[in-house]
């Protein structure tokens, strides 16, 4: 098995247990080779409530998938969630290990006041 397949299998296993609701939506993260994506999703209705990614104009100058950018994305997603009156989320790490970029994004979101 290659690394992509291992991540996909891990993500399937996580998604069996993690689901977002209206009161507590799911904060899903994804990391490609160049970009970072974060979404707050209500799985009951299948809608995205807030999203941030490094392809936006505010991140375009430093669009790298590293820990510093992940911290900025985590702060931004927490602010956008708070604008939509979302205080608590379920964290979906997307099959990635919880260290490095994933941990930086989660810690920044927590520091900004998002509970999970």
PDB file of N, CA and C in Angstrom:
ATOM      1  N   UNK A   1       0.843  -1.185   0.000  1.00  0.00           N
ATOM      2  CA  UNK A   1       0.000   0.000   0.000  1.00  0.00           C
ATOM      3  C   UNK A   1       0.884   1.244   0.000  1.00  0.00           C
ATOM      4  N   UNK A   2       0.456   2.245  -0.742  1.00  0.00           N
ATOM      5  CA  UNK A   2       1.204   3.478  -0.726  1.00  0.00           C
ATOM      6  C   UNK A   2       0.628   4.427   0.332  1.00  0.00           C
ATOM      7  N   UNK A   3       1.307   5.548   0.516  1.00  0.00           N
ATOM      8  CA  UNK A   3       0.941   6.460   1.589  1.00  0.00           C
ATOM      9  C   UNK A   3      -0.451   7.059   1.388  1.00  0.00           C
ATOM     10  N   UNK A   4      -0.823   7.360   0.137  1.00  0.00           N
ATOM     11  CA  UNK A   4      -2.151   7.909  -0.134  1.00  0.00           C
ATOM     12  C   UNK A   4      -3.249   6.929   0.275  1.00  0.00           C
ATOM     13  N   UNK A   5      -3.070   5.684  -0.035  1.00  0.00           N
ATOM     14  CA  UNK A   5      -4.066   4.666   0.297  1.00  0.00           C
ATOM     15  C   UNK A   5      -4.161   4.466   1.804  1.00  0.00           C
ATOM     16  N   UNK A   6      -3.035   4.500   2.485  1.00  0.00           N
ATOM     17  CA  UNK A   6      -3.041   4.358   3.939  1.00  0.00           C
ATOM     18  C   UNK A   6      -3.813   5.508   4.577  1.00  0.00           C
ATOM     19  N   UNK A   7      -3.597   6.724   4.076  1.00  0.00           N
ATOM     20  CA  UNK A   7      -4.323   7.884   4.583  1.00  0.00           C
ATOM     21  C   UNK A   7      -5.815   7.747   4.313  1.00  0.00           C
ATOM     22  N   UNK A   8      -6.184   7.254   3.126  1.00  0.00           N
ATOM     23  CA  UNK A   8      -7.594   7.079   2.783  1.00  0.00           C
ATOM     24  C   UNK A   8      -8.264   6.050   3.684  1.00  0.00           C
ATOM     25  N   UNK A   9      -7.589   4.962   3.972  1.00  0.00           N
ATOM     26  CA  UNK A   9      -8.139   3.928   4.852  1.00  0.00           C
ATOM     27  C   UNK A   9      -8.319   4.481   6.256  1.00  0.00           C
ATOM     28  N   UNK A  10      -7.331   5.228   6.721  1.00  0.00           N
ATOM     29  CA  UNK A  10      -7.409   5.832   8.049  1.00  0.00           C
ATOM     30  C   UNK A  10      -8.577   6.819   8.117  1.00  0.00           C
ATOM     31  N   UNK A  11      -8.773   7.594   7.028  1.00  0.00           N
ATOM     32  CA  UNK A  11      -9.861   8.561   6.997  1.00  0.00           C
ATOM     33  C   UNK A  11     -11.224   7.868   7.006  1.00  0.00           C
ATOM     34  N   UNK A  12     -11.365   6.774   6.283  1.00  0.00           N
ATOM     35  CA  UNK A  12     -12.615   6.008   6.311  1.00  0.00           C
ATOM     36  C   UNK A  12     -12.928   5.510   7.712  1.00  0.00           C
ATOM     37  N   UNK A  13     -11.913   5.068   8.420  1.00  0.00           N
ATOM     38  CA  UNK A  13     -12.093   4.571   9.782  1.00  0.00           C
ATOM     39  C   UNK A  13     -12.522   5.712  10.715  1.00  0.00           C
ATOM     40  N   UNK A  14     -11.942   6.886  10.524  1.00  0.00           N
ATOM     41  CA  UNK A  14     -12.296   8.042  11.351  1.00  0.00           C
ATOM     42  C   UNK A  14     -13.726   8.480  11.069  1.00  0.00           C
ATOM     43  N   UNK A  15     -14.122   8.510   9.800  1.00  0.00           N
ATOM     44  CA  UNK A  15     -15.443   8.999   9.412  1.00  0.00           C
ATOM     45  C   UNK A  15     -16.576   8.097   9.886  1.00  0.00           C
ATOM     46  N   UNK A  16     -16.269   6.846  10.225  1.00  0.00           N
ATOM     47  CA  UNK A  16     -17.288   5.983  10.810  1.00  0.00           C
ATOM     48  C   UNK A  16     -17.704   6.495  12.185  1.00  0.00           C
ATOM     49  N   UNK A  17     -16.783   7.176  12.876  1.00  0.00           N
ATOM     50  CA  UNK A  17     -17.015   7.622  14.240  1.00  0.00           C
ATOM     51  C   UNK A  17     -17.329   9.109  14.347  1.00  0.00           C
ATOM     52  N   UNK A  18     -16.806   9.922  13.415  1.00  0.00           N
ATOM     53  CA  UNK A  18     -16.911  11.373  13.512  1.00  0.00           C
ATOM     54  C   UNK A  18     -17.966  11.881  12.538  1.00  0.00           C
ATOM     55  N   UNK A  19     -18.954  12.592  13.069  1.00  0.00           N
ATOM     56  CA  UNK A  19     -19.988  13.173  12.230  1.00  0.00           C
ATOM     57  C   UNK A  19     -20.417  14.506  12.832  1.00  0.00           C
ATOM     58  N   UNK A  20     -20.671  15.492  11.980  1.00  0.00           N
ATOM     59  CA  UNK A  20     -21.069  16.805  12.449  1.00  0.00           C
ATOM     60  C   UNK A  20     -22.573  16.946  12.509  1.00  0.00           C
ATOM     61  N   UNK A  21     -23.050  17.708  13.486  1.00  0.00           N
ATOM     62  CA  UNK A  21     -24.473  17.979  13.638  1.00  0.00           C
ATOM     63  C   UNK A  21     -24.696  19.486  13.543  1.00  0.00           C
ATOM     64  N   UNK A  22     -25.930  19.899  13.674  1.00  0.00           N
ATOM     65  CA  UNK A  22     -26.230  21.321  13.642  1.00  0.00           C
ATOM     66  C   UNK A  22     -25.648  22.066  14.827  1.00  0.00           C
ATOM     67  N   UNK A  23     -25.693  21.430  16.005  1.00  0.00           N
ATOM     68  CA  UNK A  23     -25.148  22.068  17.204  1.00  0.00           C
ATOM     69  C   UNK A  23     -23.625  21.968  17.258  1.00  0.00           C
ATOM     70  N   UNK A  24     -23.087  20.889  16.710  1.00  0.00           N
ATOM     71  CA  UNK A  24     -21.637  20.667  16.762  1.00  0.00           C
ATOM     72  C   UNK A  24     -21.157  20.145  15.408  1.00  0.00           C
ATOM     73  N   UNK A  25     -20.890  21.053  14.458  1.00  0.00           N
ATOM     74  CA  UNK A  25     -20.472  20.624  13.119  1.00  0.00           C
ATOM     75  C   UNK A  25     -19.051  20.078  13.109  1.00  0.00           C
ATOM     76  N   UNK A  26     -18.682  19.512  11.984  1.00  0.00           N
ATOM     77  CA  UNK A  26     -17.374  18.864  11.824  1.00  0.00           C
ATOM     78  C   UNK A  26     -16.395  19.838  11.181  1.00  0.00           C
ATOM     79  N   UNK A  27     -15.208  19.983  11.796  1.00  0.00           N
ATOM     80  CA  UNK A  27     -14.123  20.770  11.218  1.00  0.00           C
ATOM     81  C   UNK A  27     -13.208  19.803  10.488  1.00  0.00           C
ATOM     82  N   UNK A  28     -13.317  19.772   9.154  1.00  0.00           N
ATOM     83  CA  UNK A  28     -12.539  18.849   8.332  1.00  0.00           C
ATOM     84  C   UNK A  28     -11.344  19.583   7.746  1.00  0.00           C
ATOM     85  N   UNK A  29     -10.179  18.952   7.791  1.00  0.00           N
ATOM     86  CA  UNK A  29      -8.968  19.537   7.227  1.00  0.00           C
ATOM     87  C   UNK A  29      -8.403  18.625   6.151  1.00  0.00           C
ATOM     88  N   UNK A  30      -7.766  19.238   5.172  1.00  0.00           N
ATOM     89  CA  UNK A  30      -7.099  18.493   4.110  1.00  0.00           C
ATOM     90  C   UNK A  30      -5.821  19.229   3.735  1.00  0.00           C
ATOM     91  N   UNK A  31      -4.778  18.472   3.483  1.00  0.00           N
ATOM     92  CA  UNK A  31      -3.491  19.036   3.097  1.00  0.00           C
ATOM     93  C   UNK A  31      -3.053  18.405   1.788  1.00  0.00           C
ATOM     94  N   UNK A  32      -2.871  19.226   0.773  1.00  0.00           N
ATOM     95  CA  UNK A  32      -2.274  18.731  -0.464  1.00  0.00           C
ATOM     96  C   UNK A  32      -0.786  19.081  -0.405  1.00  0.00           C
ATOM     97  N   UNK A  33      -0.082  18.860  -1.460  1.00  0.00           N
ATOM     98  CA  UNK A  33       1.345  19.187  -1.470  1.00  0.00           C
ATOM     99  C   UNK A  33       1.611  20.665  -1.359  1.00  0.00           C
ATOM    100  N   UNK A  34       0.673  21.483  -1.807  1.00  0.00           N
ATOM    101  CA  UNK A  34       0.882  22.923  -1.850  1.00  0.00           C
ATOM    102  C   UNK A  34      -0.114  23.722  -1.016  1.00  0.00           C
ATOM    103  N   UNK A  35      -1.297  23.199  -0.781  1.00  0.00           N
ATOM    104  CA  UNK A  35      -2.356  23.989  -0.150  1.00  0.00           C
ATOM    105  C   UNK A  35      -2.938  23.301   1.077  1.00  0.00           C
ATOM    106  N   UNK A  36      -3.622  24.123   1.888  1.00  0.00           N
ATOM    107  CA  UNK A  36      -4.304  23.674   3.099  1.00  0.00           C
ATOM    108  C   UNK A  36      -5.766  24.085   2.988  1.00  0.00           C
ATOM    109  N   UNK A  37      -6.663  23.168   3.302  1.00  0.00           N
ATOM    110  CA  UNK A  37      -8.094  23.416   3.226  1.00  0.00           C
ATOM    111  C   UNK A  37      -8.731  23.071   4.573  1.00  0.00           C
ATOM    112  N   UNK A  38      -9.652  23.913   5.037  1.00  0.00           N
ATOM    113  CA  UNK A  38     -10.392  23.646   6.271  1.00  0.00           C
ATOM    114  C   UNK A  38     -11.842  24.048   6.048  1.00  0.00           C
ATOM    115  N   UNK A  39     -12.765  23.171   6.461  1.00  0.00           N
ATOM    116  CA  UNK A  39     -14.189  23.428   6.301  1.00  0.00           C
ATOM    117  C   UNK A  39     -14.929  23.053   7.579  1.00  0.00           C
ATOM    118  N   UNK A  40     -15.955  23.820   7.892  1.00  0.00           N
ATOM    119  CA  UNK A  40     -16.878  23.483   8.971  1.00  0.00           C
ATOM    120  C   UNK A  40     -18.143  22.984   8.291  1.00  0.00           C
ATOM    121  N   UNK A  41     -18.490  21.705   8.538  1.00  0.00           N
ATOM    122  CA  UNK A  41     -19.533  21.029   7.782  1.00  0.00           C
ATOM    123  C   UNK A  41     -20.624  20.500   8.718  1.00  0.00           C
ATOM    124  N   UNK A  42     -21.876  20.731   8.326  1.00  0.00           N
ATOM    125  CA  UNK A  42     -23.020  20.121   8.999  1.00  0.00           C
ATOM    126  C   UNK A  42     -23.371  18.872   8.191  1.00  0.00           C
ATOM    127  N   UNK A  43     -23.086  17.704   8.707  1.00  0.00           N
ATOM    128  CA  UNK A  43     -23.314  16.454   7.982  1.00  0.00           C
ATOM    129  C   UNK A  43     -24.791  16.064   7.910  1.00  0.00           C
ATOM    130  N   UNK A  44     -25.608  16.588   8.807  1.00  0.00           N
ATOM    131  CA  UNK A  44     -27.035  16.268   8.755  1.00  0.00           C
ATOM    132  C   UNK A  44     -27.686  16.842   7.503  1.00  0.00           C
ATOM    133  N   UNK A  45     -27.309  18.063   7.145  1.00  0.00           N
ATOM    134  CA  UNK A  45     -27.877  18.705   5.962  1.00  0.00           C
ATOM    135  C   UNK A  45     -26.939  18.663   4.769  1.00  0.00           C
ATOM    136  N   UNK A  46     -25.682  18.302   4.996  1.00  0.00           N
ATOM    137  CA  UNK A  46     -24.711  18.224   3.910  1.00  0.00           C
ATOM    138  C   UNK A  46     -24.265  19.579   3.415  1.00  0.00           C
ATOM    139  N   UNK A  47     -24.215  20.568   4.308  1.00  0.00           N
ATOM    140  CA  UNK A  47     -23.823  21.908   3.909  1.00  0.00           C
ATOM    141  C   UNK A  47     -22.521  22.335   4.573  1.00  0.00           C
ATOM    142  N   UNK A  48     -21.766  23.147   3.856  1.00  0.00           N
ATOM    143  CA  UNK A  48     -20.553  23.743   4.397  1.00  0.00           C
ATOM    144  C   UNK A  48     -20.924  25.083   5.003  1.00  0.00           C
ATOM    145  N   UNK A  49     -20.621  25.258   6.283  1.00  0.00           N
ATOM    146  CA  UNK A  49     -20.999  26.472   6.996  1.00  0.00           C
ATOM    147  C   UNK A  49     -19.916  27.544   6.906  1.00  0.00           C
ATOM    148  N   UNK A  50     -18.655  27.142   6.886  1.00  0.00           N
ATOM    149  CA  UNK A  50     -17.537  28.074   6.780  1.00  0.00           C
ATOM    150  C   UNK A  50     -16.362  27.324   6.171  1.00  0.00           C
ATOM    151  N   UNK A  51     -15.550  28.040   5.419  1.00  0.00           N
ATOM    152  CA  UNK A  51     -14.373  27.388   4.833  1.00  0.00           C
ATOM    153  C   UNK A  51     -13.245  28.389   4.661  1.00  0.00           C
ATOM    154  N   UNK A  52     -12.028  27.865   4.713  1.00  0.00           N
ATOM    155  CA  UNK A  52     -10.810  28.643   4.481  1.00  0.00           C
ATOM    156  C   UNK A  52      -9.856  27.747   3.722  1.00  0.00           C
ATOM    157  N   UNK A  53      -9.166  28.312   2.744  1.00  0.00           N
ATOM    158  CA  UNK A  53      -8.106  27.564   2.072  1.00  0.00           C
ATOM    159  C   UNK A  53      -7.035  28.521   1.597  1.00  0.00           C
ATOM    160  N   UNK A  54      -5.879  27.993   1.298  1.00  0.00           N
ATOM    161  CA  UNK A  54      -4.745  28.833   0.935  1.00  0.00           C
ATOM    162  C   UNK A  54      -4.785  29.292  -0.514  1.00  0.00           C
ATOM    163  N   UNK A  55      -5.826  28.944  -1.261  1.00  0.00           N
ATOM    164  CA  UNK A  55      -5.967  29.465  -2.620  1.00  0.00           C
ATOM    165  C   UNK A  55      -6.690  30.807  -2.627  1.00  0.00           C
ATOM    166  N   UNK A  56      -7.157  31.268  -1.458  1.00  0.00           N
ATOM    167  CA  UNK A  56      -7.818  32.567  -1.353  1.00  0.00           C
ATOM    168  C   UNK A  56      -6.790  33.684  -1.483  1.00  0.00           C
ATOM    169  N   UNK A  57      -7.282  34.867  -1.784  1.00  0.00           N
ATOM    170  CA  UNK A  57      -6.395  36.014  -1.997  1.00  0.00           C
ATOM    171  C   UNK A  57      -5.589  36.388  -0.756  1.00  0.00           C
ATOM    172  N   UNK A  58      -6.151  36.197   0.432  1.00  0.00           N
ATOM    173  CA  UNK A  58      -5.440  36.583   1.655  1.00  0.00           C
ATOM    174  C   UNK A  58      -4.230  35.690   1.927  1.00  0.00           C
ATOM    175  N   UNK A  59      -4.235  34.472   1.399  1.00  0.00           N
ATOM    176  CA  UNK A  59      -3.132  33.544   1.621  1.00  0.00           C
ATOM    177  C   UNK A  59      -2.261  33.353   0.383  1.00  0.00           C
ATOM    178  N   UNK A  60      -2.636  33.949  -0.724  1.00  0.00           N
ATOM    179  CA  UNK A  60      -1.970  33.675  -1.991  1.00  0.00           C
ATOM    180  C   UNK A  60      -0.477  34.026  -1.968  1.00  0.00           C
ATOM    181  N   UNK A  61      -0.080  35.032  -1.188  1.00  0.00           N
ATOM    182  CA  UNK A  61       1.324  35.436  -1.164  1.00  0.00           C
ATOM    183  C   UNK A  61       2.220  34.390  -0.513  1.00  0.00           C
ATOM    184  N   UNK A  62       1.699  33.658   0.465  1.00  0.00           N
ATOM    185  CA  UNK A  62       2.500  32.639   1.159  1.00  0.00           C
ATOM    186  C   UNK A  62       1.788  31.299   1.115  1.00  0.00           C
ATOM    187  N   UNK A  63       1.400  30.840  -0.049  1.00  0.00           N
ATOM    188  CA  UNK A  63       0.644  29.598  -0.190  1.00  0.00           C
ATOM    189  C   UNK A  63       1.578  28.399  -0.147  1.00  0.00           C
ATOM    190  N   UNK A  64       1.961  28.024   1.059  1.00  0.00           N
ATOM    191  CA  UNK A  64       2.774  26.837   1.272  1.00  0.00           C
ATOM    192  C   UNK A  64       2.073  25.974   2.304  1.00  0.00           C
ATOM    193  N   UNK A  65       2.191  24.693   2.174  1.00  0.00           N
ATOM    194  CA  UNK A  65       1.544  23.782   3.126  1.00  0.00           C
ATOM    195  C   UNK A  65       2.517  23.479   4.256  1.00  0.00           C
ATOM    196  N   UNK A  66       2.762  24.467   5.114  1.00  0.00           N
ATOM    197  CA  UNK A  66       3.659  24.267   6.247  1.00  0.00           C
ATOM    198  C   UNK A  66       2.936  24.641   7.542  1.00  0.00           C
ATOM    199  N   UNK A  67       3.616  24.492   8.666  1.00  0.00           N
ATOM    200  CA  UNK A  67       2.992  24.722   9.966  1.00  0.00           C
ATOM    201  C   UNK A  67       2.604  26.175  10.184  1.00  0.00           C
ATOM    202  N   UNK A  68       3.407  27.112   9.674  1.00  0.00           N
ATOM    203  CA  UNK A  68       3.085  28.530   9.851  1.00  0.00           C
ATOM    204  C   UNK A  68       1.786  28.884   9.130  1.00  0.00           C
ATOM    205  N   UNK A  69       1.641  28.404   7.918  1.00  0.00           N
ATOM    206  CA  UNK A  69       0.418  28.656   7.165  1.00  0.00           C
ATOM    207  C   UNK A  69      -0.764  27.938   7.807  1.00  0.00           C
ATOM    208  N   UNK A  70      -0.542  26.740   8.332  1.00  0.00           N
ATOM    209  CA  UNK A  70      -1.608  25.999   9.010  1.00  0.00           C
ATOM    210  C   UNK A  70      -2.101  26.769  10.232  1.00  0.00           C
ATOM    211  N   UNK A  71      -1.213  27.443  10.929  1.00  0.00           N
ATOM    212  CA  UNK A  71      -1.607  28.262  12.067  1.00  0.00           C
ATOM    213  C   UNK A  71      -2.494  29.407  11.615  1.00  0.00           C
ATOM    214  N   UNK A  72      -2.136  30.058  10.511  1.00  0.00           N
ATOM    215  CA  UNK A  72      -2.949  31.159   9.983  1.00  0.00           C
ATOM    216  C   UNK A  72      -4.320  30.667   9.525  1.00  0.00           C
ATOM    217  N   UNK A  73      -4.363  29.485   8.902  1.00  0.00           N
ATOM    218  CA  UNK A  73      -5.632  28.913   8.448  1.00  0.00           C
ATOM    219  C   UNK A  73      -6.499  28.539   9.647  1.00  0.00           C
ATOM    220  N   UNK A  74      -5.909  27.978  10.684  1.00  0.00           N
ATOM    221  CA  UNK A  74      -6.650  27.626  11.901  1.00  0.00           C
ATOM    222  C   UNK A  74      -7.266  28.843  12.571  1.00  0.00           C
ATOM    223  N   UNK A  75      -6.514  29.936  12.621  1.00  0.00           N
ATOM    224  CA  UNK A  75      -7.037  31.171  13.187  1.00  0.00           C
ATOM    225  C   UNK A  75      -8.193  31.704  12.349  1.00  0.00           C
ATOM    226  N   UNK A  76      -8.025  31.667  11.021  1.00  0.00           N
ATOM    227  CA  UNK A  76      -9.057  32.188  10.122  1.00  0.00           C
ATOM    228  C   UNK A  76     -10.338  31.362  10.178  1.00  0.00           C
ATOM    229  N   UNK A  77     -10.221  30.035  10.226  1.00  0.00           N
ATOM    230  CA  UNK A  77     -11.426  29.199  10.258  1.00  0.00           C
ATOM    231  C   UNK A  77     -12.172  29.387  11.575  1.00  0.00           C
ATOM    232  N   UNK A  78     -11.442  29.583  12.665  1.00  0.00           N
ATOM    233  CA  UNK A  78     -12.098  29.826  13.950  1.00  0.00           C
ATOM    234  C   UNK A  78     -12.843  31.156  13.937  1.00  0.00           C
ATOM    235  N   UNK A  79     -12.242  32.172  13.338  1.00  0.00           N
ATOM    236  CA  UNK A  79     -12.908  33.474  13.260  1.00  0.00           C
ATOM    237  C   UNK A  79     -14.162  33.394  12.398  1.00  0.00           C
ATOM    238  N   UNK A  80     -14.084  32.705  11.268  1.00  0.00           N
ATOM    239  CA  UNK A  80     -15.255  32.587  10.393  1.00  0.00           C
ATOM    240  C   UNK A  80     -16.350  31.748  11.041  1.00  0.00           C
ATOM    241  N   UNK A  81     -15.963  30.738  11.806  1.00  0.00           N
ATOM    242  CA  UNK A  81     -16.964  29.935  12.514  1.00  0.00           C
ATOM    243  C   UNK A  81     -17.647  30.765  13.594  1.00  0.00           C
ATOM    244  N   UNK A  82     -16.880  31.591  14.297  1.00  0.00           N
ATOM    245  CA  UNK A  82     -17.469  32.434  15.335  1.00  0.00           C
ATOM    246  C   UNK A  82     -18.422  33.465  14.740  1.00  0.00           C
ATOM    247  N   UNK A  83     -18.130  33.943  13.515  1.00  0.00           N
ATOM    248  CA  UNK A  83     -19.041  34.865  12.836  1.00  0.00           C
ATOM    249  C   UNK A  83     -20.392  34.205  12.554  1.00  0.00           C
ATOM    250  N   UNK A  84     -20.379  32.891  12.340  1.00  0.00           N
ATOM    251  CA  UNK A  84     -21.608  32.131  12.085  1.00  0.00           C
ATOM    252  C   UNK A  84     -22.210  31.583  13.378  1.00  0.00           C
ATOM    253  N   UNK A  85     -21.716  32.039  14.523  1.00  0.00           N
ATOM    254  CA  UNK A  85     -22.186  31.626  15.858  1.00  0.00           C
ATOM    255  C   UNK A  85     -21.932  30.154  16.130  1.00  0.00           C
ATOM    256  N   UNK A  86     -20.795  29.646  15.687  1.00  0.00           N
ATOM    257  CA  UNK A  86     -20.391  28.266  15.958  1.00  0.00           C
ATOM    258  C   UNK A  86     -19.284  28.313  16.998  1.00  0.00           C
ATOM    259  N   UNK A  87     -19.548  27.726  18.159  1.00  0.00           N
ATOM    260  CA  UNK A  87     -18.573  27.764  19.245  1.00  0.00           C
ATOM    261  C   UNK A  87     -17.894  26.426  19.464  1.00  0.00           C
ATOM    262  N   UNK A  88     -18.531  25.335  19.037  1.00  0.00           N
ATOM    263  CA  UNK A  88     -18.016  24.006  19.309  1.00  0.00           C
ATOM    264  C   UNK A  88     -18.079  23.163  18.049  1.00  0.00           C
ATOM    265  N   UNK A  89     -17.010  22.415  17.770  1.00  0.00           N
ATOM    266  CA  UNK A  89     -16.943  21.573  16.574  1.00  0.00           C
ATOM    267  C   UNK A  89     -16.351  20.215  16.935  1.00  0.00           C
ATOM    268  N   UNK A  90     -16.505  19.274  16.007  1.00  0.00           N
ATOM    269  CA  UNK A  90     -15.849  17.974  16.086  1.00  0.00           C
ATOM    270  C   UNK A  90     -14.691  18.026  15.103  1.00  0.00           C
ATOM    271  N   UNK A  91     -13.481  17.680  15.529  1.00  0.00           N
ATOM    272  CA  UNK A  91     -12.312  17.799  14.666  1.00  0.00           C
ATOM    273  C   UNK A  91     -12.113  16.523  13.855  1.00  0.00           C
ATOM    274  N   UNK A  92     -12.060  16.670  12.536  1.00  0.00           N
ATOM    275  CA  UNK A  92     -11.809  15.569  11.611  1.00  0.00           C
ATOM    276  C   UNK A  92     -10.454  15.822  10.959  1.00  0.00           C
ATOM    277  N   UNK A  93      -9.469  15.047  11.351  1.00  0.00           N
ATOM    278  CA  UNK A  93      -8.115  15.282  10.863  1.00  0.00           C
ATOM    279  C   UNK A  93      -7.881  14.730   9.467  1.00  0.00           C
ATOM    280  N   UNK A  94      -8.884  14.134   8.871  1.00  0.00           N
ATOM    281  CA  UNK A  94      -8.819  13.718   7.481  1.00  0.00           C
ATOM    282  C   UNK A  94      -7.875  12.572   7.190  1.00  0.00           C
ATOM    283  N   UNK A  95      -7.597  11.745   8.169  1.00  0.00           N
ATOM    284  CA  UNK A  95      -6.707  10.621   7.956  1.00  0.00           C
ATOM    285  C   UNK A  95      -5.241  10.955   8.167  1.00  0.00           C
ATOM    286  N   UNK A  96      -4.942  12.218   8.415  1.00  0.00           N
ATOM    287  CA  UNK A  96      -3.561  12.628   8.652  1.00  0.00           C
ATOM    288  C   UNK A  96      -3.233  12.435  10.123  1.00  0.00           C
ATOM    289  N   UNK A  97      -1.966  12.199  10.417  1.00  0.00           N
ATOM    290  CA  UNK A  97      -1.554  12.046  11.810  1.00  0.00           C
ATOM    291  C   UNK A  97      -1.662  13.374  12.534  1.00  0.00           C
ATOM    292  N   UNK A  98      -1.965  13.319  13.827  1.00  0.00           N
ATOM    293  CA  UNK A  98      -2.143  14.546  14.606  1.00  0.00           C
ATOM    294  C   UNK A  98      -0.791  15.038  15.121  1.00  0.00           C
ATOM    295  N   UNK A  99      -0.010  15.586  14.224  1.00  0.00           N
ATOM    296  CA  UNK A  99       1.230  16.266  14.597  1.00  0.00           C
ATOM    297  C   UNK A  99       1.610  17.180  13.448  1.00  0.00           C
ATOM    298  N   UNK A 100       2.536  18.076  13.679  1.00  0.00           N
ATOM    299  CA  UNK A 100       2.978  18.977  12.623  1.00  0.00           C
ATOM    300  C   UNK A 100       1.887  19.952  12.216  1.00  0.00           C
ATOM    301  N   UNK A 101       1.538  19.941  10.928  1.00  0.00           N
ATOM    302  CA  UNK A 101       0.569  20.893  10.376  1.00  0.00           C
ATOM    303  C   UNK A 101      -0.819  20.711  10.970  1.00  0.00           C
ATOM    304  N   UNK A 102      -1.220  19.482  11.170  1.00  0.00           N
ATOM    305  CA  UNK A 102      -2.558  19.210  11.711  1.00  0.00           C
ATOM    306  C   UNK A 102      -2.664  19.752  13.135  1.00  0.00           C
ATOM    307  N   UNK A 103      -1.648  19.503  13.930  1.00  0.00           N
ATOM    308  CA  UNK A 103      -1.635  19.987  15.309  1.00  0.00           C
ATOM    309  C   UNK A 103      -1.574  21.509  15.356  1.00  0.00           C
ATOM    310  N   UNK A 104      -0.800  22.124  14.468  1.00  0.00           N
ATOM    311  CA  UNK A 104      -0.692  23.582  14.423  1.00  0.00           C
ATOM    312  C   UNK A 104      -2.047  24.215  14.094  1.00  0.00           C
ATOM    313  N   UNK A 105      -2.758  23.642  13.131  1.00  0.00           N
ATOM    314  CA  UNK A 105      -4.072  24.164  12.759  1.00  0.00           C
ATOM    315  C   UNK A 105      -5.048  24.007  13.916  1.00  0.00           C
ATOM    316  N   UNK A 106      -5.067  22.851  14.553  1.00  0.00           N
ATOM    317  CA  UNK A 106      -5.992  22.597  15.664  1.00  0.00           C
ATOM    318  C   UNK A 106      -5.693  23.507  16.853  1.00  0.00           C
ATOM    319  N   UNK A 107      -4.427  23.664  17.190  1.00  0.00           N
ATOM    320  CA  UNK A 107      -4.058  24.521  18.322  1.00  0.00           C
ATOM    321  C   UNK A 107      -4.419  25.982  18.066  1.00  0.00           C
ATOM    322  N   UNK A 108      -4.237  26.451  16.823  1.00  0.00           N
ATOM    323  CA  UNK A 108      -4.581  27.828  16.490  1.00  0.00           C
ATOM    324  C   UNK A 108      -6.088  28.046  16.572  1.00  0.00           C
ATOM    325  N   UNK A 109      -6.873  27.075  16.132  1.00  0.00           N
ATOM    326  CA  UNK A 109      -8.320  27.186  16.222  1.00  0.00           C
ATOM    327  C   UNK A 109      -8.777  27.186  17.670  1.00  0.00           C
ATOM    328  N   UNK A 110      -8.157  26.351  18.498  1.00  0.00           N
ATOM    329  CA  UNK A 110      -8.498  26.323  19.921  1.00  0.00           C
ATOM    330  C   UNK A 110      -8.121  27.645  20.592  1.00  0.00           C
ATOM    331  N   UNK A 111      -6.960  28.174  20.250  1.00  0.00           N
ATOM    332  CA  UNK A 111      -6.509  29.432  20.852  1.00  0.00           C
ATOM    333  C   UNK A 111      -7.431  30.596  20.478  1.00  0.00           C
ATOM    334  N   UNK A 112      -8.062  30.502  19.322  1.00  0.00           N
ATOM    335  CA  UNK A 112      -8.977  31.547  18.867  1.00  0.00           C
ATOM    336  C   UNK A 112     -10.364  31.397  19.500  1.00  0.00           C
ATOM    337  N   UNK A 113     -10.598  30.316  20.240  1.00  0.00           N
ATOM    338  CA  UNK A 113     -11.842  30.167  20.991  1.00  0.00           C
ATOM    339  C   UNK A 113     -12.783  29.093  20.499  1.00  0.00           C
ATOM    340  N   UNK A 114     -12.349  28.271  19.542  1.00  0.00           N
ATOM    341  CA  UNK A 114     -13.176  27.183  19.039  1.00  0.00           C
ATOM    342  C   UNK A 114     -12.994  25.963  19.945  1.00  0.00           C
ATOM    343  N   UNK A 115     -14.072  25.372  20.413  1.00  0.00           N
ATOM    344  CA  UNK A 115     -13.993  24.236  21.338  1.00  0.00           C
ATOM    345  C   UNK A 115     -14.133  22.923  20.592  1.00  0.00           C
ATOM    346  N   UNK A 116     -13.186  21.994  20.840  1.00  0.00           N
ATOM    347  CA  UNK A 116     -13.286  20.622  20.359  1.00  0.00           C
ATOM    348  C   UNK A 116     -12.349  19.738  21.125  1.00  0.00           C
TER     349      UNK A 116
END
